[in-house]
Amino acid sequence: MMKRALWQGVVAGAAGVTAMTIGEKLEQRLTGRPDSHVPARVLRRLMGRPDEPERPLPANWVMHFGQGVVLGVLRSVMAQAGLRGPWSSAKFAVVRLTNDQILENVTGVGAPPPTWPRGELVVDLLHKGVYAVVTGVVADALAARSGPGPGQRHAAVLPGRHADVGPLPRSL
């Protein structure tokens, strides 16, 4: 399962980050919002490198796409386990936002979202939501090719959560 989740997660994450990036570029054209160089600054700080504001683009793309692809693996693991659909994508959106905030705040590059102007917060939530939905749709579709996940098989025994329904038998 994990080998499958790895390659499927890379595909799902790449699809999600590509969709998010296209959406960002369209939004920037409409609103005039400039490119963010936060991903580049975070990456450089994590690597112990000095800030280099003159050439942030390569580091920006590495961090932007790298995070999207790596986190796609987590969404794929969720799908393989049987955590699929809109609820799982919503949970994953929180993980994506939390990942950004941890890295941005621990490096001193960003500030907590409650301190942001509301417009910036809305735009960030929208773009990360697009990422989470697209990544989830792709991860779920790829995982579904292998049939239901363990969680889905367990739920099929008796739908809902019941204290008297034990775990599924171990499979070898």
Protein backbone atom coordinates (compact mmCIF):
# COMPACT_ATOMS: atom_id res chain seq x y z
CA MET A 1 0.00 0.00 0.00
CA MET A 2 2.72 2.50 0.90
CA LYS A 3 4.58 2.16 -2.39
CA ARG A 4 1.32 2.79 -4.23
CA ALA A 5 0.51 5.73 -1.94
CA LEU A 6 3.92 7.26 -2.65
CA TRP A 7 3.69 7.42 -6.43
CA GLN A 8 -0.03 8.22 -6.40
CA GLY A 9 0.60 10.99 -3.88
CA VAL A 10 3.29 12.53 -6.04
CA VAL A 11 0.87 12.54 -8.98
CA ALA A 12 -2.02 13.90 -6.89
CA GLY A 13 0.14 16.55 -5.23
CA ALA A 14 1.58 17.65 -8.57
CA ALA A 15 -1.94 17.98 -9.99
CA GLY A 16 -3.09 19.95 -6.95
CA VAL A 17 -0.16 22.35 -6.89
CA THR A 18 -0.44 22.90 -10.64
CA ALA A 19 -4.14 23.75 -10.34
CA MET A 20 -3.41 26.04 -7.39
CA THR A 21 -0.64 27.80 -9.30
CA ILE A 22 -2.80 28.34 -12.38
CA GLY A 23 -5.53 29.75 -10.12
CA GLU A 24 -3.03 32.02 -8.39
CA LYS A 25 -1.73 33.37 -11.67
CA LEU A 26 -5.27 34.05 -12.93
CA GLU A 27 -6.19 35.74 -9.65
CA GLN A 28 -3.02 37.87 -9.76
CA ARG A 29 -3.89 39.07 -13.26
CA LEU A 30 -7.37 40.07 -12.10
CA THR A 31 -6.37 41.67 -8.80
CA GLY A 32 -2.90 42.97 -9.58
CA ARG A 33 -1.52 41.17 -6.52
CA PRO A 34 2.26 40.69 -6.88
CA ASP A 35 4.06 37.36 -6.61
CA SER A 36 4.81 36.17 -3.11
CA HIS A 37 8.41 35.36 -2.33
CA VAL A 38 7.57 33.77 1.01
CA PRO A 39 8.24 30.19 -0.20
CA ALA A 40 11.74 31.17 -1.36
CA ARG A 41 12.50 32.95 1.90
CA VAL A 42 11.29 29.96 3.93
CA LEU A 43 13.37 27.52 1.90
CA ARG A 44 16.50 29.65 2.16
CA ARG A 45 16.04 30.00 5.93
CA LEU A 46 15.45 26.27 6.34
CA MET A 47 18.68 25.63 4.42
CA GLY A 48 20.59 28.17 6.53
CA ARG A 49 21.22 30.33 3.47
CA PRO A 50 21.14 34.13 3.47
CA ASP A 51 18.09 35.89 2.07
CA GLU A 52 18.56 36.65 -1.62
CA PRO A 53 15.76 39.00 -2.68
CA GLU A 54 17.24 39.57 -6.15
CA ARG A 55 16.70 36.01 -7.40
CA PRO A 56 13.90 34.33 -5.46
CA LEU A 57 12.20 32.60 -8.40
CA PRO A 58 14.08 29.25 -8.51
CA ALA A 59 13.81 28.76 -4.75
CA ASN A 60 10.19 29.90 -4.88
CA TRP A 61 9.25 27.24 -7.41
CA VAL A 62 11.21 24.50 -5.61
CA MET A 63 9.49 25.23 -2.31
CA HIS A 64 6.04 25.89 -3.80
CA PHE A 65 5.94 22.71 -5.90
CA GLY A 66 7.98 20.67 -3.42
CA GLN A 67 5.52 21.26 -0.59
CA GLY A 68 2.59 20.48 -2.86
CA VAL A 69 4.05 17.21 -4.08
CA VAL A 70 5.29 16.03 -0.67
CA LEU A 71 1.98 16.78 1.04
CA GLY A 72 0.18 15.00 -1.80
CA VAL A 73 1.69 11.78 -0.46
CA LEU A 74 -0.10 12.32 2.84
CA ARG A 75 -3.42 12.83 1.02
CA SER A 76 -2.76 9.65 -0.92
CA VAL A 77 -2.14 7.72 2.32
CA MET A 78 -5.47 9.07 3.56
CA ALA A 79 -7.19 7.84 0.38
CA GLN A 80 -5.50 4.43 0.57
CA ALA A 81 -6.73 4.05 4.16
CA GLY A 82 -10.27 4.79 3.02
CA LEU A 83 -10.43 8.47 3.99
CA ARG A 84 -11.87 9.75 0.75
CA GLY A 85 -14.25 12.41 -0.47
CA PRO A 86 -15.01 16.02 0.43
CA TRP A 87 -14.67 15.58 4.22
CA SER A 88 -11.19 14.16 3.78
CA SER A 89 -10.22 16.95 1.39
CA ALA A 90 -11.46 19.51 3.94
CA LYS A 91 -9.34 17.88 6.65
CA PHE A 92 -6.40 17.88 4.27
CA ALA A 93 -6.85 21.60 3.53
CA VAL A 94 -6.27 22.25 7.23
CA VAL A 95 -3.08 20.16 7.09
CA ARG A 96 -1.86 22.13 4.05
CA LEU A 97 -2.52 25.47 5.75
CA THR A 98 -0.95 24.27 8.99
CA ASN A 99 2.18 23.09 7.17
CA ASP A 100 2.62 26.52 5.58
CA GLN A 101 2.10 28.33 8.85
CA ILE A 102 4.50 26.17 10.83
CA LEU A 103 7.28 26.65 8.28
CA GLU A 104 6.64 30.36 7.75
CA ASN A 105 6.38 31.16 11.44
CA VAL A 106 9.21 28.97 12.72
CA THR A 107 11.58 30.61 10.22
CA GLY A 108 10.36 34.11 11.06
CA VAL A 109 9.32 34.71 7.46
CA GLY A 110 5.58 34.83 8.11
CA ALA A 111 3.11 35.95 10.73
CA PRO A 112 0.11 34.13 12.19
CA PRO A 113 -2.96 34.39 9.90
CA PRO A 114 -5.12 36.28 12.44
CA THR A 115 -2.69 39.20 11.98
CA TRP A 116 -3.08 39.26 8.18
CA PRO A 117 -5.31 41.66 6.28
CA ARG A 118 -8.61 39.83 5.67
CA GLY A 119 -8.26 40.03 1.88
CA GLU A 120 -4.91 38.22 1.96
CA LEU A 121 -6.30 35.58 4.28
CA VAL A 122 -9.29 34.93 2.02
CA VAL A 123 -7.06 34.63 -1.06
CA ASP A 124 -4.71 32.19 0.72
CA LEU A 125 -7.60 30.06 1.98
CA LEU A 126 -9.13 29.97 -1.49
CA HIS A 127 -5.92 28.87 -3.21
CA LYS A 128 -5.09 26.25 -0.59
CA GLY A 129 -8.67 25.00 -0.85
CA VAL A 130 -8.25 24.53 -4.59
CA TYR A 131 -5.03 22.61 -3.93
CA ALA A 132 -6.73 20.37 -1.35
CA VAL A 133 -9.75 19.62 -3.53
CA VAL A 134 -7.78 18.82 -6.69
CA THR A 135 -5.20 16.77 -4.78
CA GLY A 136 -8.02 14.90 -3.06
CA VAL A 137 -9.97 14.18 -6.24
CA VAL A 138 -6.87 12.75 -7.92
CA ALA A 139 -5.71 10.79 -4.84
CA ASP A 140 -9.20 9.38 -4.30
CA ALA A 141 -9.58 8.35 -7.95
CA LEU A 142 -6.20 6.61 -7.97
CA ALA A 143 -6.85 4.85 -4.65
CA ALA A 144 -10.31 3.72 -5.77
CA ARG A 145 -8.67 1.62 -8.49
CA SER A 146 -7.44 -0.68 -5.68
CA GLY A 147 -10.91 -0.99 -4.14
CA PRO A 148 -12.12 0.17 -0.75
CA GLY A 149 -9.56 1.04 1.90
CA PRO A 150 -9.46 -0.64 5.33
CA GLY A 151 -11.57 2.10 6.88
CA GLN A 152 -14.22 1.70 4.21
CA ARG A 153 -14.22 -2.10 4.64
CA HIS A 154 -14.64 -1.64 8.39
CA ALA A 155 -17.53 0.78 7.87
CA ALA A 156 -19.23 -1.76 5.59
CA VAL A 157 -19.54 -4.17 8.52
CA LEU A 158 -21.98 -1.76 10.21
CA PRO A 159 -22.19 1.84 8.98
CA GLY A 160 -21.38 4.45 11.58
CA ARG A 161 -19.27 4.28 14.69
CA HIS A 162 -20.14 1.48 17.11
CA ALA A 163 -18.31 0.36 20.22
CA ASP A 164 -19.38 -3.27 19.65
CA VAL A 165 -17.85 -3.59 16.16
CA GLY A 166 -14.29 -4.76 16.55
CA PRO A 167 -11.45 -4.29 14.07
CA LEU A 168 -11.24 -6.15 10.81
CA PRO A 169 -9.21 -9.36 10.81
CA ARG A 170 -5.57 -8.75 9.97
CA SER A 171 -4.69 -9.31 6.36
CA LEU A 172 -1.30 -10.64 5.36
